[in-house]
């Protein structure tokens, strides 16, 4: 009896120890790819509701540029864009939630800066969208440039780079202004729409989206000049190189695909191509996918399910969308822009 009881206690102790070790492993394991595969889905932190970038409908179906990028990552891993699960995060909580592993990746219009990488122990793999801070104001104010805004009451959101950009801009140009700050983006937009401030500052892409939510969108204009550099990028945790490489090369694969003319409409023809660059892209030559821990056809999965960079841009924020934001800097490098992906070779 004593032997049985002793064995039972030892067995229970081992079971408890195994359970504790499993929890510790899950918490400290930096291999996000393996954890994602075990879970069967990619957890993506996104904006709670920014038209064109990430917004749910009344049935909980998400659409947008940032949403599609997460779906591209899911397609690369699972061959199923529906394996991307979206977690809505405020600007103030997004980096901490990524740190605490609530999400695997942030795809949430976040500006890449040195301080954010250092302060939060995070990494921004590649720029998905080149942006800059700007200003929106009523057309009735009849202003032509940002230099005409002295004396303005400017609404900004806390926890973003915008407040510092605005302060630097007005100080550098010896202009006075009054800052009106709110924690929630909805409160910022409401304050502007109700006249509590006469100017709203945010990234220009965000201003195009926010204008759609105003009572009379046509009564408001976005000034043409940008006052800062805002490279928007997906975000992952540091010291997780396998995952970082997948996120980075998912974006680069989509950019390279557009440059090579490979799209969701002609992906089957691309699989028959004898051009070396296309063959490496679609996996009929080389083993780049396997080196990432994926399959040979990982890019084919992305393009077939989501499309190339240009397709993702145009349907969400470009000419085929309600926002109709010009490509501008986000045009490919060989078409007048700065979007440039390293070659796959």
Protein backbone atom coordinates (compact mmCIF):
# COMPACT_ATOMS: atom_id res chain seq x y z
CA UNK A 1 0.00 0.00 0.00
CA UNK A 2 2.79 2.36 0.96
CA UNK A 3 4.57 1.57 -2.30
CA UNK A 4 1.39 2.28 -4.25
CA UNK A 5 0.82 5.56 -2.41
CA UNK A 6 4.46 6.54 -2.90
CA UNK A 7 4.27 5.78 -6.58
CA UNK A 8 1.02 7.72 -6.89
CA UNK A 9 2.54 10.76 -5.21
CA UNK A 10 5.60 10.58 -7.41
CA UNK A 11 3.37 10.30 -10.47
CA UNK A 12 1.33 13.32 -9.40
CA UNK A 13 4.49 15.31 -8.73
CA UNK A 14 5.85 14.46 -12.16
CA UNK A 15 2.54 15.42 -13.79
CA UNK A 16 2.52 18.75 -11.97
CA UNK A 17 6.15 19.38 -12.93
CA UNK A 18 5.46 18.58 -16.56
CA UNK A 19 2.49 20.94 -16.50
CA UNK A 20 4.56 23.73 -14.97
CA UNK A 21 7.35 23.20 -17.47
CA UNK A 22 4.84 23.28 -20.33
CA UNK A 23 3.51 26.62 -19.12
CA UNK A 24 7.04 28.00 -18.71
CA UNK A 25 7.99 26.73 -22.16
CA UNK A 26 4.91 28.28 -23.74
CA UNK A 27 5.64 31.61 -22.08
CA UNK A 28 9.36 31.80 -22.76
CA UNK A 29 9.60 29.94 -26.06
CA UNK A 30 10.47 32.48 -28.72
CA UNK A 31 9.72 30.17 -31.63
CA UNK A 32 6.48 31.82 -32.71
CA UNK A 33 6.24 29.81 -35.92
CA UNK A 34 6.09 26.48 -34.07
CA UNK A 35 3.59 27.88 -31.58
CA UNK A 36 1.47 29.27 -34.41
CA UNK A 37 1.46 25.95 -36.25
CA UNK A 38 0.43 24.12 -33.08
CA UNK A 39 -2.38 26.61 -32.52
CA UNK A 40 -3.50 26.48 -36.14
CA UNK A 41 -3.88 30.22 -36.64
CA UNK A 42 -1.96 33.50 -36.71
CA UNK A 43 -3.01 36.06 -34.07
CA UNK A 44 -2.82 39.53 -35.61
CA UNK A 45 -3.05 42.79 -33.66
CA UNK A 46 -4.91 45.38 -35.74
CA UNK A 47 -6.51 48.80 -35.44
CA UNK A 48 -9.99 48.70 -33.93
CA UNK A 49 -11.52 50.43 -36.91
CA UNK A 50 -9.58 52.33 -39.56
CA UNK A 51 -11.25 52.24 -43.00
CA UNK A 52 -8.94 50.94 -45.67
CA UNK A 53 -6.48 49.44 -43.21
CA UNK A 54 -8.43 47.35 -40.71
CA UNK A 55 -12.14 47.51 -39.99
CA UNK A 56 -14.80 44.90 -39.16
CA UNK A 57 -18.32 44.91 -40.60
CA UNK A 58 -21.45 44.27 -38.53
CA UNK A 59 -20.85 40.51 -38.86
CA UNK A 60 -17.27 40.70 -37.62
CA UNK A 61 -15.64 40.23 -41.02
CA UNK A 62 -12.40 42.21 -41.25
CA UNK A 63 -11.10 44.03 -44.34
CA UNK A 64 -8.19 46.34 -45.06
CA UNK A 65 -4.56 46.67 -46.13
CA UNK A 66 -3.16 45.60 -42.74
CA UNK A 67 -5.73 42.80 -42.52
CA UNK A 68 -4.74 41.46 -45.93
CA UNK A 69 -1.07 41.41 -44.94
CA UNK A 70 -1.92 39.21 -41.96
CA UNK A 71 -3.89 36.96 -44.27
CA UNK A 72 -0.85 36.75 -46.53
CA UNK A 73 1.25 35.49 -43.61
CA UNK A 74 -1.45 32.93 -42.79
CA UNK A 75 -1.61 31.86 -46.44
CA UNK A 76 2.17 31.38 -46.53
CA UNK A 77 2.03 29.10 -43.50
CA UNK A 78 -1.32 27.30 -43.80
CA UNK A 79 -2.37 27.91 -47.42
CA UNK A 80 -5.50 29.41 -45.87
CA UNK A 81 -5.94 33.18 -45.32
CA UNK A 82 -8.85 32.43 -43.01
CA UNK A 83 -6.31 31.14 -40.48
CA UNK A 84 -5.58 34.77 -39.55
CA UNK A 85 -7.44 35.80 -36.39
CA UNK A 86 -7.73 39.51 -35.64
CA UNK A 87 -7.34 41.13 -32.21
CA UNK A 88 -8.35 44.80 -32.03
CA UNK A 89 -5.84 46.89 -30.06
CA UNK A 90 -5.68 50.54 -29.00
CA UNK A 91 -2.60 52.57 -29.88
CA UNK A 92 -1.64 52.76 -26.20
CA UNK A 93 -1.70 48.99 -25.66
CA UNK A 94 -0.50 47.54 -28.98
CA UNK A 95 3.22 47.13 -28.20
CA UNK A 96 2.69 45.78 -24.70
CA UNK A 97 0.18 43.24 -25.99
CA UNK A 98 2.70 42.06 -28.55
CA UNK A 99 5.34 41.80 -25.82
CA UNK A 100 3.01 39.73 -23.64
CA UNK A 101 2.28 37.35 -26.56
CA UNK A 102 -1.38 38.20 -26.84
CA UNK A 103 -0.70 38.46 -30.59
CA UNK A 104 1.97 37.02 -32.89
CA UNK A 105 2.31 40.09 -35.07
CA UNK A 106 1.18 43.70 -35.15
CA UNK A 107 -0.16 44.79 -38.50
CA UNK A 108 -1.58 48.04 -37.20
CA UNK A 109 -0.40 51.22 -38.98
CA UNK A 110 2.57 51.50 -36.60
CA UNK A 111 5.51 53.80 -37.28
CA UNK A 112 8.96 52.25 -37.24
CA UNK A 113 11.23 54.25 -34.93
CA UNK A 114 14.43 53.59 -33.02
CA UNK A 115 12.83 54.29 -29.64
CA UNK A 116 10.08 51.76 -30.20
CA UNK A 117 12.53 49.01 -31.08
CA UNK A 118 14.69 49.78 -28.06
CA UNK A 119 12.01 50.59 -25.47
CA UNK A 120 9.74 47.64 -26.26
CA UNK A 121 12.30 45.05 -27.40
CA UNK A 122 10.55 44.74 -30.75
CA UNK A 123 11.54 44.56 -34.40
CA UNK A 124 10.00 46.15 -37.50
CA UNK A 125 10.95 43.74 -40.33
CA UNK A 126 10.14 45.89 -43.39
CA UNK A 127 8.16 48.96 -44.42
CA UNK A 128 4.70 48.09 -45.71
CA UNK A 129 3.55 51.67 -46.28
CA UNK A 130 5.52 54.92 -46.51
CA UNK A 131 3.56 57.68 -44.85
CA UNK A 132 3.95 61.03 -43.10
CA UNK A 133 2.04 63.16 -40.64
CA UNK A 134 -0.23 65.79 -42.11
CA UNK A 135 -3.24 67.94 -41.40
CA UNK A 136 -6.95 67.87 -42.16
CA UNK A 137 -9.13 70.96 -41.76
CA UNK A 138 -12.44 72.40 -42.94
CA UNK A 139 -12.29 73.72 -46.50
CA UNK A 140 -13.91 76.88 -45.20
CA UNK A 141 -10.66 77.79 -43.44
CA UNK A 142 -9.16 78.36 -46.89
CA UNK A 143 -5.60 77.29 -46.06
CA UNK A 144 -3.18 76.07 -48.72
CA UNK A 145 -0.17 74.73 -46.78
CA UNK A 146 0.78 73.69 -43.28
CA UNK A 147 2.71 76.94 -42.88
CA UNK A 148 -0.66 78.74 -42.86
CA UNK A 149 -1.80 76.97 -39.67
CA UNK A 150 -0.35 79.26 -37.01
CA UNK A 151 -2.86 79.85 -34.20
CA UNK A 152 -4.70 76.57 -34.92
CA UNK A 153 -6.29 74.26 -32.34
CA UNK A 154 -4.92 70.85 -33.33
CA UNK A 155 -6.52 67.55 -32.25
CA UNK A 156 -4.10 64.62 -31.83
CA UNK A 157 -4.22 61.13 -30.29
CA UNK A 158 -2.13 60.27 -27.25
CA UNK A 159 0.33 57.39 -27.52
CA UNK A 160 1.21 58.13 -31.15
CA UNK A 161 4.14 59.86 -32.84
CA UNK A 162 1.82 62.60 -34.10
CA UNK A 163 1.90 64.84 -31.01
CA UNK A 164 5.70 65.10 -31.11
CA UNK A 165 5.70 65.66 -34.87
CA UNK A 166 3.23 68.52 -34.56
CA UNK A 167 5.14 70.11 -31.66
CA UNK A 168 8.43 69.87 -33.58
CA UNK A 169 6.89 71.31 -36.75
CA UNK A 170 5.29 74.34 -35.11
CA UNK A 171 8.39 75.06 -33.02
CA UNK A 172 10.76 74.72 -35.99
CA UNK A 173 8.66 77.19 -37.96
CA UNK A 174 8.17 79.61 -35.06
CA UNK A 175 4.40 79.10 -35.14
CA UNK A 176 1.96 78.96 -32.25
CA UNK A 177 -0.82 76.41 -31.79
CA UNK A 178 -3.02 74.82 -29.13
CA UNK A 179 -2.85 71.06 -28.65
CA UNK A 180 -6.09 69.18 -27.96
CA UNK A 181 -5.22 65.60 -26.99
CA UNK A 182 -7.39 62.49 -26.45
CA UNK A 183 -6.52 58.88 -25.62
CA UNK A 184 -9.11 57.34 -27.95
CA UNK A 185 -9.11 57.93 -31.69
CA UNK A 186 -12.90 58.08 -31.71
CA UNK A 187 -12.73 60.97 -29.25
CA UNK A 188 -10.20 62.78 -31.45
CA UNK A 189 -12.44 62.51 -34.50
CA UNK A 190 -15.55 63.49 -32.53
CA UNK A 191 -13.82 66.56 -31.12
CA UNK A 192 -12.76 67.66 -34.57
CA UNK A 193 -16.15 66.96 -36.15
CA UNK A 194 -17.94 68.97 -33.44
CA UNK A 195 -15.61 71.96 -33.69
CA UNK A 196 -13.62 71.56 -30.46
CA UNK A 197 -10.54 71.94 -32.63
CA UNK A 198 -10.15 73.35 -36.13
CA UNK A 199 -7.40 71.01 -37.32
CA UNK A 200 -6.80 67.27 -37.04
CA UNK A 201 -3.33 65.80 -37.34
CA UNK A 202 -2.45 62.15 -38.01
CA UNK A 203 -0.65 60.12 -40.66
CA UNK A 204 -1.95 61.22 -44.05
CA UNK A 205 -3.24 57.73 -44.86
CA UNK A 206 -5.19 57.77 -41.61
CA UNK A 207 -6.62 61.20 -42.41
CA UNK A 208 -8.04 59.85 -45.68
CA UNK A 209 -9.71 57.06 -43.71
CA UNK A 210 -10.97 59.26 -40.88
CA UNK A 211 -12.49 61.75 -43.31
CA UNK A 212 -14.95 59.07 -44.41
CA UNK A 213 -16.37 58.97 -40.87
CA UNK A 214 -17.13 62.69 -40.64
CA UNK A 215 -20.64 64.06 -40.89
CA UNK A 216 -19.84 65.86 -44.17
CA UNK A 217 -16.61 64.42 -45.60
CA UNK A 218 -16.66 66.70 -48.63
CA UNK A 219 -16.41 69.78 -46.42
CA UNK A 220 -12.91 68.82 -45.28
CA UNK A 221 -9.54 68.89 -47.03
CA UNK A 222 -6.19 67.21 -46.41
CA UNK A 223 -3.23 69.50 -47.00
CA UNK A 224 -0.71 68.15 -49.54
CA UNK A 225 2.45 68.50 -47.43
CA UNK A 226 3.79 65.90 -44.98
CA UNK A 227 5.67 67.10 -41.91
CA UNK A 228 7.40 63.86 -40.89
CA UNK A 229 8.63 60.45 -41.99
CA UNK A 230 6.24 57.69 -40.91
CA UNK A 231 7.37 54.31 -42.25
CA UNK A 232 4.50 52.00 -41.27
CA UNK A 233 5.57 48.42 -40.73
CA UNK A 234 4.46 45.12 -39.23
CA UNK A 235 5.98 44.46 -35.80
CA UNK A 236 7.31 41.28 -34.17
CA UNK A 237 9.23 40.44 -31.02
CA UNK A 238 13.03 40.48 -31.02
CA UNK A 239 15.09 37.29 -30.70
CA UNK A 240 12.59 35.37 -32.80
CA UNK A 241 14.47 35.28 -36.09
CA UNK A 242 12.54 32.48 -37.81
CA UNK A 243 9.27 34.37 -37.38
CA UNK A 244 10.78 37.71 -38.31
CA UNK A 245 12.11 36.23 -41.56
CA UNK A 246 8.68 34.89 -42.53
CA UNK A 247 6.96 38.22 -41.86
CA UNK A 248 9.66 40.19 -43.68
CA UNK A 249 9.82 37.96 -46.74
CA UNK A 250 6.04 37.69 -47.00
CA UNK A 251 5.99 41.44 -47.67
CA UNK A 252 9.05 41.31 -49.94
CA UNK A 253 7.55 38.42 -51.90
CA UNK A 254 4.40 40.47 -52.56
CA UNK A 255 6.46 43.47 -53.71
CA UNK A 256 8.70 41.31 -55.92
CA UNK A 257 5.62 39.65 -57.39
CA UNK A 258 4.20 43.00 -58.46
CA UNK A 259 7.54 44.02 -59.96
CA UNK A 260 7.70 40.76 -61.93
CA UNK A 261 4.09 41.07 -63.08
CA UNK A 262 2.90 38.03 -61.11
CA UNK A 263 -0.63 38.46 -59.76
CA UNK A 264 -3.59 36.45 -58.51
CA UNK A 265 -4.95 36.53 -62.06
CA UNK A 266 -1.93 34.94 -63.75
CA UNK A 267 -0.33 32.84 -61.01
CA UNK A 268 -1.02 29.60 -62.91
CA UNK A 269 0.83 30.94 -65.95
CA UNK A 270 3.68 32.10 -63.69
CA UNK A 271 4.14 28.51 -62.50
CA UNK A 272 5.02 27.61 -66.10
CA UNK A 273 7.45 30.49 -66.55
CA UNK A 274 11.08 29.83 -67.49
CA UNK A 275 12.30 33.23 -66.30
CA UNK A 276 14.78 32.65 -63.45
CA UNK A 277 13.36 35.43 -61.23
CA UNK A 278 9.81 34.15 -61.60
CA UNK A 279 10.86 30.53 -61.08
CA UNK A 280 12.59 31.43 -57.80
CA UNK A 281 9.53 33.43 -56.73
CA UNK A 282 7.00 30.65 -57.33
CA UNK A 283 9.26 27.87 -56.06
CA UNK A 284 9.88 25.90 -59.24
CA UNK A 285 13.58 26.64 -58.71
CA UNK A 286 15.48 26.85 -55.43
CA UNK A 287 14.42 25.93 -51.90
CA UNK A 288 13.80 29.33 -50.34
CA UNK A 289 10.46 28.34 -48.85
CA UNK A 290 11.90 25.30 -47.15
CA UNK A 291 14.72 27.41 -45.72
CA UNK A 292 12.04 29.57 -44.09
CA UNK A 293 10.40 26.48 -42.60
CA UNK A 294 7.58 26.64 -45.15
CA UNK A 295 6.84 24.89 -48.46
CA UNK A 296 8.24 25.43 -51.94
CA UNK A 297 5.01 27.05 -53.07
CA UNK A 298 4.70 29.49 -50.13
CA UNK A 299 4.66 32.54 -52.44
CA UNK A 300 2.12 30.88 -54.72
CA UNK A 301 -0.11 30.46 -51.68
CA UNK A 302 0.22 34.18 -50.87
CA UNK A 303 -0.44 35.42 -54.39
CA UNK A 304 -3.29 33.01 -55.11
CA UNK A 305 -5.10 33.83 -51.87
CA UNK A 306 -4.26 37.52 -51.33
CA UNK A 307 -2.50 38.90 -54.39
CA UNK A 308 0.66 40.92 -54.90
CA UNK A 309 1.46 44.23 -53.19
CA UNK A 310 -0.23 46.33 -55.87
CA UNK A 311 -3.43 44.28 -55.71
CA UNK A 312 -3.51 44.58 -51.92
CA UNK A 313 -2.95 48.33 -52.15
CA UNK A 314 -5.48 49.15 -54.87
CA UNK A 315 -8.46 47.23 -53.50
CA UNK A 316 -8.06 48.56 -49.96
CA UNK A 317 -6.73 52.11 -50.18
CA UNK A 318 -6.04 52.86 -53.84
CA UNK A 319 -8.16 53.69 -56.86
CA UNK A 320 -10.45 50.68 -56.43
CA UNK A 321 -11.32 51.73 -52.86
CA UNK A 322 -13.36 54.51 -51.30
CA UNK A 323 -10.19 56.20 -50.02
CA UNK A 324 -8.48 56.50 -53.42
CA UNK A 325 -5.10 57.36 -51.90
CA UNK A 326 -2.52 57.95 -54.67
CA UNK A 327 0.34 55.40 -54.62
CA UNK A 328 2.90 58.23 -54.35
CA UNK A 329 5.98 57.00 -52.49
CA UNK A 330 4.41 53.55 -52.29
CA UNK A 331 4.73 53.08 -56.02
CA UNK A 332 7.45 50.60 -56.99
CA UNK A 333 10.99 51.95 -57.28
CA UNK A 334 10.96 51.51 -61.06
CA UNK A 335 7.71 53.47 -61.37
CA UNK A 336 8.67 56.60 -59.45
CA UNK A 337 8.19 55.40 -55.88
CA UNK A 338 10.43 54.04 -53.13
CA UNK A 339 8.95 50.56 -52.58
CA UNK A 340 11.90 48.30 -53.09
CA UNK A 341 12.30 44.64 -52.16
CA UNK A 342 15.61 42.73 -52.04
CA UNK A 343 15.82 40.10 -54.79
CA UNK A 344 14.97 36.49 -54.12
CA UNK A 345 18.19 34.83 -55.15
